[in-house]
Amino acid sequence: MRLIDAGTVGALRSQALWHGIAAAMGPDDEPTLSLCRPGEAYMSLGYHRRLDELDQAACSREGLPILRRRIGGGPVLIDDQQLFFQITMPVRRAPASISRLYATLLEPAAAAFRALGLDARVDGLNDIAVGPRKISGTGAGQIGEAVVVVGNVIFDFDHARMARVLALPDPGMHDECLRLMRRHVSSLRDEGLAHVTAADAATALRDAYATALDGAVTSAEPTAAEVAEITRFEARLRDPAWQRGPDLPERAGRRVKVRSNVFVVHGEQDGVSVLASVVGDDIECATVAAPALNGTAAALERALVGNVVAPGALAARLAPFGECGGQILAAIGPGLEARW
């Protein structure tokens, strides 16, 4: 396995590094673990996500440029309190299914967190968690002939800043997103490991991936081909057309994922506004805003709380409310069913 440790780099290079390594990889190349620490803050957005998920004016006020990455996933706040790691390998050597890919290539990262002193595990499809709290955000995708799995070590995290730059329909959704972020997104500082340095984390990651891939680690600099691809991706990432992204259809409702199986959903239907927080299989709490419903709104909020995974469970709880219940289901349903 090659190790490319780029140290502290600018925003563009922190994204272009792994894009370029993957794009330059050939079918017989060695797996490569790349590391870097962003020297400046920015927002990263997945390729198949709408730019209007972010409040661009707020991003500008916060001094946060927006960079669209080639792989998927929602908006992420990136800053110098994170260490990026990426494991890249030829497609033909990688597990074929996305679930096996994550299970195989994230378990070494979880082992690295355990070496640092946390009881970490791979949770859900692709979270690394400590108890109910996500400790690392990850993603994966294919670029050229390579598959890359990316993640981060979060030394500290500014939940409030992250919430401020999301484009949300009302202040209540902002407050609920922030509440769930503080509860379900953690950092080394939050877990009592403020003393861990970037060098400590880099060593733990190197050792864990070397053990998992059963091979020696060779420190390396990017090849000429990789440098050329990294440079090409830096130009692409700053291109306004790339930043705008593909022409995506508008979706009903608004859904913000906090971590695996934790999200906030907002929807509207015929003057009825519904906000719900989903944790695991259940709506944990809900707010219904509908002036015409008067006292019925509180009863509807209570009915929304409960299982949303069992077929028909939510519809059955809302059925006694007749037309009002149907309005609520129509408002919140698209956000609950969305997988984006």
Protein backbone atom coordinates (compact mmCIF):
# COMPACT_ATOMS: atom_id res chain seq x y z
CA MET A 1 0.00 0.00 0.00
CA ARG A 2 1.21 3.49 -0.84
CA LEU A 3 0.79 6.31 1.65
CA ILE A 4 0.54 9.86 0.33
CA ASP A 5 0.46 12.34 3.21
CA ALA A 6 -0.05 15.79 1.72
CA GLY A 7 -0.06 17.60 5.07
CA THR A 8 -2.04 20.84 5.35
CA VAL A 9 -3.39 22.01 2.00
CA GLY A 10 -5.83 24.55 0.58
CA ALA A 11 -9.51 23.88 0.02
CA LEU A 12 -9.18 23.00 -3.67
CA ARG A 13 -6.25 20.65 -3.12
CA SER A 14 -7.99 18.88 -0.23
CA GLN A 15 -10.69 17.72 -2.68
CA ALA A 16 -8.64 17.49 -5.87
CA LEU A 17 -6.01 15.29 -4.21
CA TRP A 18 -8.12 12.16 -3.96
CA HIS A 19 -10.05 12.86 -7.15
CA GLY A 20 -6.74 13.02 -9.02
CA ILE A 21 -5.25 9.91 -7.39
CA ALA A 22 -8.36 7.93 -8.34
CA ALA A 23 -8.49 9.29 -11.90
CA ALA A 24 -4.85 8.36 -12.52
CA MET A 25 -5.09 4.84 -11.05
CA GLY A 26 -4.54 1.89 -13.36
CA PRO A 27 -6.05 -1.62 -13.05
CA ASP A 28 -2.85 -3.10 -11.59
CA ASP A 29 -1.85 -0.26 -9.26
CA GLU A 30 -1.40 -0.65 -5.53
CA PRO A 31 -4.05 0.58 -3.11
CA THR A 32 -3.28 4.12 -1.95
CA LEU A 33 -4.07 5.70 1.40
CA SER A 34 -4.03 9.48 1.07
CA LEU A 35 -4.17 11.96 3.94
CA CYS A 36 -4.51 15.72 4.09
CA ARG A 37 -5.71 18.42 6.45
CA PRO A 38 -7.69 21.34 4.99
CA GLY A 39 -6.09 24.64 5.86
CA GLU A 40 -9.26 26.65 5.29
CA ALA A 41 -12.99 26.24 5.80
CA TYR A 42 -15.49 25.53 3.02
CA MET A 43 -18.68 23.62 2.25
CA SER A 44 -18.54 20.37 0.32
CA LEU A 45 -21.60 19.18 -1.63
CA GLY A 46 -22.22 15.83 -3.31
CA TYR A 47 -22.46 15.73 -7.10
CA HIS A 48 -26.13 14.73 -7.30
CA ARG A 49 -27.41 17.29 -4.81
CA ARG A 50 -29.07 20.62 -5.48
CA LEU A 51 -27.04 23.74 -4.81
CA ASP A 52 -30.08 25.35 -3.20
CA GLU A 53 -29.75 22.99 -0.22
CA LEU A 54 -27.24 25.59 0.94
CA ASP A 55 -27.99 29.20 1.82
CA GLN A 56 -25.45 30.73 -0.53
CA ALA A 57 -25.74 34.20 1.05
CA ALA A 58 -25.03 32.69 4.46
CA CYS A 59 -22.07 30.76 3.05
CA SER A 60 -20.72 34.04 1.68
CA ARG A 61 -21.17 35.80 5.03
CA GLU A 62 -19.40 32.92 6.77
CA GLY A 63 -16.53 33.01 4.27
CA LEU A 64 -17.30 29.49 3.08
CA PRO A 65 -16.77 28.74 -0.61
CA ILE A 66 -18.79 25.80 -1.98
CA LEU A 67 -16.97 22.90 -3.63
CA ARG A 68 -18.90 20.12 -5.32
CA ARG A 69 -17.28 16.68 -4.95
CA ARG A 70 -17.55 13.90 -7.51
CA ILE A 71 -19.14 11.41 -5.12
CA GLY A 72 -22.55 11.68 -3.48
CA GLY A 73 -23.89 12.90 -0.16
CA GLY A 74 -25.25 16.10 1.29
CA PRO A 75 -23.67 19.38 2.43
CA VAL A 76 -20.71 19.05 4.80
CA LEU A 77 -18.80 21.74 6.68
CA ILE A 78 -15.05 21.28 6.20
CA ASP A 79 -12.39 23.13 8.17
CA ASP A 80 -8.94 22.82 9.70
CA GLN A 81 -10.32 20.76 12.60
CA GLN A 82 -10.47 17.69 10.37
CA LEU A 83 -8.05 15.19 8.87
CA PHE A 84 -9.17 13.65 5.59
CA PHE A 85 -8.37 10.05 4.76
CA GLN A 86 -9.08 8.27 1.48
CA ILE A 87 -8.41 4.68 0.48
CA THR A 88 -8.30 4.21 -3.29
CA MET A 89 -7.94 0.92 -5.18
CA PRO A 90 -8.56 -0.46 -8.67
CA VAL A 91 -12.19 -1.38 -9.32
CA ARG A 92 -11.34 -5.00 -10.04
CA ARG A 93 -9.77 -5.41 -6.59
CA ALA A 94 -12.62 -3.80 -4.67
CA PRO A 95 -15.77 -5.49 -3.32
CA ALA A 96 -18.54 -5.29 -5.91
CA SER A 97 -21.46 -4.24 -3.68
CA ILE A 98 -21.57 -0.88 -1.91
CA SER A 99 -22.40 -2.52 1.42
CA ARG A 100 -19.37 -4.84 1.23
CA LEU A 101 -17.18 -1.99 0.02
CA TYR A 102 -18.03 0.11 3.07
CA ALA A 103 -17.79 -2.85 5.45
CA THR A 104 -14.35 -3.80 4.12
CA LEU A 105 -12.77 -0.37 3.77
CA LEU A 106 -14.30 1.43 6.76
CA GLU A 107 -13.56 -1.21 9.36
CA PRO A 108 -9.83 -0.27 9.36
CA ALA A 109 -10.85 3.36 10.01
CA ALA A 110 -13.01 2.21 12.93
CA ALA A 111 -10.00 0.23 14.19
CA ALA A 112 -7.90 3.41 13.98
CA PHE A 113 -10.43 5.26 16.14
CA ARG A 114 -10.31 2.38 18.62
CA ALA A 115 -6.52 2.67 18.72
CA LEU A 116 -6.97 6.35 19.60
CA GLY A 117 -9.15 5.34 22.56
CA LEU A 118 -12.74 5.29 21.31
CA ASP A 119 -15.20 2.40 21.30
CA ALA A 120 -15.87 2.98 17.59
CA ARG A 121 -17.72 0.79 15.13
CA VAL A 122 -19.07 0.89 11.59
CA ASP A 123 -22.76 1.67 12.05
CA GLY A 124 -25.51 1.48 9.46
CA LEU A 125 -24.24 1.53 5.88
CA ASN A 126 -21.37 3.97 6.24
CA ASP A 127 -21.20 5.79 9.57
CA ILE A 128 -18.37 5.37 12.03
CA ALA A 129 -19.99 5.87 15.41
CA VAL A 130 -19.38 5.92 19.13
CA GLY A 131 -22.62 4.97 20.83
CA PRO A 132 -25.39 6.97 19.09
CA ARG A 133 -22.95 9.63 17.83
CA LYS A 134 -21.34 9.79 14.40
CA ILE A 135 -17.60 10.37 14.78
CA SER A 136 -16.66 10.32 11.07
CA GLY A 137 -18.48 11.27 7.89
CA THR A 138 -17.77 9.00 4.93
CA GLY A 139 -18.63 8.48 1.28
CA ALA A 140 -17.60 6.35 -1.68
CA GLY A 141 -17.66 6.33 -5.46
CA GLN A 142 -15.97 5.27 -8.65
CA ILE A 143 -13.73 7.67 -10.53
CA GLY A 144 -12.19 6.28 -13.70
CA GLU A 145 -10.83 2.79 -13.05
CA ALA A 146 -10.69 3.27 -9.29
CA VAL A 147 -12.98 3.05 -6.31
CA VAL A 148 -12.40 5.50 -3.47
CA VAL A 149 -13.77 5.54 0.07
CA VAL A 150 -13.32 8.86 1.88
CA GLY A 151 -13.72 9.82 5.52
CA ASN A 152 -12.55 12.27 8.14
CA VAL A 153 -11.21 12.44 11.66
CA ILE A 154 -13.08 15.30 13.34
CA PHE A 155 -11.02 16.95 16.07
CA ASP A 156 -13.70 19.56 16.81
CA PHE A 157 -16.95 20.52 15.09
CA ASP A 158 -18.92 23.77 14.89
CA HIS A 159 -22.51 22.52 14.88
CA ALA A 160 -23.98 26.02 14.94
CA ARG A 161 -22.02 27.14 11.88
CA MET A 162 -23.10 24.04 9.97
CA ALA A 163 -26.75 24.71 10.78
CA ARG A 164 -26.49 28.41 9.84
CA VAL A 165 -25.59 27.72 6.20
CA LEU A 166 -28.31 25.20 5.43
CA ALA A 167 -31.19 26.55 3.35
CA LEU A 168 -34.18 25.64 5.51
CA PRO A 169 -37.85 26.60 5.20
CA ASP A 170 -38.31 27.94 8.72
CA PRO A 171 -36.45 28.68 11.98
CA GLY A 172 -38.02 25.65 13.65
CA MET A 173 -36.26 23.30 11.25
CA HIS A 174 -32.98 25.11 11.88
CA ASP A 175 -33.37 24.65 15.63
CA GLU A 176 -34.27 20.98 15.27
CA CYS A 177 -31.36 20.26 12.91
CA LEU A 178 -28.98 21.91 15.37
CA ARG A 179 -30.44 19.97 18.31
CA LEU A 180 -29.98 16.63 16.55
CA MET A 181 -26.52 17.54 15.25
CA ARG A 182 -25.35 18.30 18.77
CA ARG A 183 -26.75 14.99 19.96
CA HIS A 184 -25.66 12.75 17.09
CA VAL A 185 -22.50 14.30 15.54
CA SER A 186 -19.43 14.15 17.74
CA SER A 187 -15.71 14.93 17.64
CA LEU A 188 -12.56 13.84 19.41
CA ARG A 189 -12.89 16.88 21.68
CA ASP A 190 -16.49 16.00 22.54
CA GLU A 191 -15.36 12.45 23.34
CA GLY A 192 -12.65 13.64 25.73
CA LEU A 193 -9.72 13.20 23.32
CA ALA A 194 -8.74 16.81 22.71
CA HIS A 195 -5.09 15.81 23.19
CA VAL A 196 -5.04 13.66 20.03
CA THR A 197 -3.01 15.32 17.28
CA ALA A 198 -3.23 15.03 13.51
CA ALA A 199 0.02 13.05 13.60
CA ASP A 200 -1.52 10.62 16.11
CA ALA A 201 -4.55 10.13 13.88
CA ALA A 202 -2.44 9.72 10.74
CA THR A 203 -0.32 7.04 12.40
CA ALA A 204 -3.39 5.16 13.61
CA LEU A 205 -4.93 5.21 10.14
CA ARG A 206 -1.71 4.10 8.45
CA ASP A 207 -1.24 1.19 10.83
CA ALA A 208 -4.87 0.07 10.65
CA TYR A 209 -5.04 0.07 6.85
CA ALA A 210 -1.65 -1.65 6.54
CA THR A 211 -2.88 -4.42 8.83
CA ALA A 212 -6.20 -4.77 7.00
CA LEU A 213 -4.61 -4.89 3.55
CA ASP A 214 -1.83 -7.21 4.79
CA GLY A 215 1.00 -5.33 3.19
CA ALA A 216 3.91 -3.03 3.78
CA VAL A 217 3.36 0.72 3.65
CA THR A 218 5.49 2.78 1.30
CA SER A 219 5.46 6.54 1.76
CA ALA A 220 5.26 8.21 -1.62
CA GLU A 221 4.76 11.47 -3.44
CA PRO A 222 2.10 11.75 -6.17
CA THR A 223 3.31 10.51 -9.54
CA ALA A 224 3.51 12.81 -12.55
CA ALA A 225 0.24 11.33 -13.83
CA GLU A 226 -1.43 11.95 -10.47
CA VAL A 227 -0.16 15.53 -10.31
CA ALA A 228 -1.61 16.15 -13.77
CA GLU A 229 -5.00 14.78 -12.73
CA ILE A 230 -4.95 16.68 -9.42
CA THR A 231 -4.28 19.90 -11.34
CA ARG A 232 -7.09 19.09 -13.77
CA PHE A 233 -9.52 18.54 -10.92
CA GLU A 234 -8.50 21.78 -9.23
CA ALA A 235 -9.54 23.59 -12.39
CA ARG A 236 -12.80 21.66 -12.58
CA LEU A 237 -13.72 22.26 -8.94
CA ARG A 238 -13.41 26.03 -9.35
CA ASP A 239 -15.49 26.03 -12.58
CA PRO A 240 -18.87 27.75 -11.92
CA ALA A 241 -20.64 25.25 -14.18
CA TRP A 242 -19.28 22.35 -12.09
CA GLN A 243 -20.28 24.14 -8.90
CA ARG A 244 -23.86 24.56 -10.17
CA GLY A 245 -23.99 20.83 -10.82
CA PRO A 246 -26.35 18.79 -12.98
CA ASP A 247 -29.88 19.90 -13.79
CA LEU A 248 -31.79 18.12 -11.05
CA PRO A 249 -35.57 18.06 -10.57
CA GLU A 250 -37.08 19.81 -7.58
CA ARG A 251 -38.18 17.48 -4.79
CA ALA A 252 -41.20 17.84 -2.58
CA GLY A 253 -40.38 18.69 1.02
CA ARG A 254 -37.01 19.18 2.65
CA ARG A 255 -35.00 16.45 4.33
CA VAL A 256 -31.72 16.92 6.23
CA LYS A 257 -29.73 13.84 7.17
CA VAL A 258 -27.85 14.20 10.44
CA ARG A 259 -26.41 10.69 10.50
CA SER A 260 -27.50 7.21 9.53
CA ASN A 261 -31.20 6.83 10.44
CA VAL A 262 -31.41 10.32 11.97
CA PHE A 263 -32.96 13.10 9.92
CA VAL A 264 -35.31 16.08 9.99
CA VAL A 265 -38.18 16.36 7.50
CA HIS A 266 -40.30 19.35 6.56
CA GLY A 267 -43.29 19.38 4.22
CA GLU A 268 -46.26 21.55 3.26
CA GLN A 269 -49.67 20.76 1.80
CA ASP A 270 -52.62 23.13 1.32
CA GLY A 271 -51.48 25.56 3.99
CA VAL A 272 -50.45 22.82 6.43
CA SER A 273 -46.78 22.78 7.49
CA VAL A 274 -45.28 19.71 9.19
CA LEU A 275 -41.86 19.30 10.80
CA ALA A 276 -40.76 15.89 12.07
CA SER A 277 -37.56 14.47 13.56
CA VAL A 278 -36.93 10.81 12.76
CA VAL A 279 -34.57 8.75 14.89
CA GLY A 280 -34.22 5.12 13.89
CA ASP A 281 -37.61 3.73 12.94
CA ASP A 282 -39.66 6.37 14.73
CA ILE A 283 -40.77 9.96 14.48
CA GLU A 284 -39.40 11.25 17.78
CA CYS A 285 -41.21 14.58 17.80
CA ALA A 286 -43.28 16.66 15.40
CA THR A 287 -44.75 20.13 14.94
CA VAL A 288 -47.86 20.92 12.91
CA ALA A 289 -48.56 24.50 11.85
CA ALA A 290 -52.06 24.96 10.42
CA PRO A 291 -54.15 27.92 11.62
CA ALA A 292 -57.38 26.35 10.38
CA LEU A 293 -56.90 23.25 12.52
CA ASN A 294 -57.05 25.11 15.84
CA GLY A 295 -56.70 22.59 18.71
CA THR A 296 -56.48 19.61 16.36
CA ALA A 297 -52.84 20.44 15.59
CA ALA A 298 -51.63 19.28 19.01
CA ALA A 299 -53.48 15.97 18.67
CA LEU A 300 -51.99 15.48 15.19
CA GLU A 301 -48.50 16.12 16.56
CA ARG A 302 -49.05 13.36 19.12
CA ALA A 303 -50.35 11.01 16.42
CA LEU A 304 -47.30 11.59 14.25
CA VAL A 305 -44.97 10.29 16.97
CA GLY A 306 -44.20 6.59 16.53
CA ASN A 307 -43.07 4.03 13.96
CA VAL A 308 -42.74 5.13 10.34
CA VAL A 309 -41.12 2.01 8.92
CA ALA A 310 -43.88 -0.56 9.37
CA PRO A 311 -46.16 -0.40 6.28
CA GLY A 312 -49.22 1.69 6.96
CA ALA A 313 -48.29 2.53 10.57
CA LEU A 314 -48.28 6.31 10.12
CA ALA A 315 -51.36 6.29 7.91
CA ALA A 316 -53.23 4.26 10.53
CA ARG A 317 -52.38 6.76 13.27
CA LEU A 318 -53.57 9.65 11.12
CA ALA A 319 -56.71 7.95 9.76
CA PRO A 320 -58.97 8.98 12.70
CA PHE A 321 -58.40 12.62 11.73
CA GLY A 322 -60.02 12.14 8.33
CA GLU A 323 -59.22 14.84 5.77
CA CYS A 324 -56.86 16.62 8.18
CA GLY A 325 -54.89 13.42 8.66
CA GLY A 326 -54.67 12.98 4.92
CA GLN A 327 -53.26 16.50 4.56
CA ILE A 328 -50.60 15.76 7.15
CA LEU A 329 -49.63 12.52 5.45
CA ALA A 330 -49.42 14.25 2.06
CA ALA A 331 -47.23 16.97 3.54
CA ILE A 332 -44.73 14.75 5.33
CA GLY A 333 -44.83 11.64 3.14
CA PRO A 334 -42.42 12.73 0.37
CA GLY A 335 -39.70 13.62 2.86
CA LEU A 336 -40.08 10.34 4.73
CA GLU A 337 -39.91 8.31 1.53
CA ALA A 338 -37.01 10.21 -0.05
CA ARG A 339 -33.60 8.57 -0.22
CA TRP A 340 -31.46 11.65 -0.93
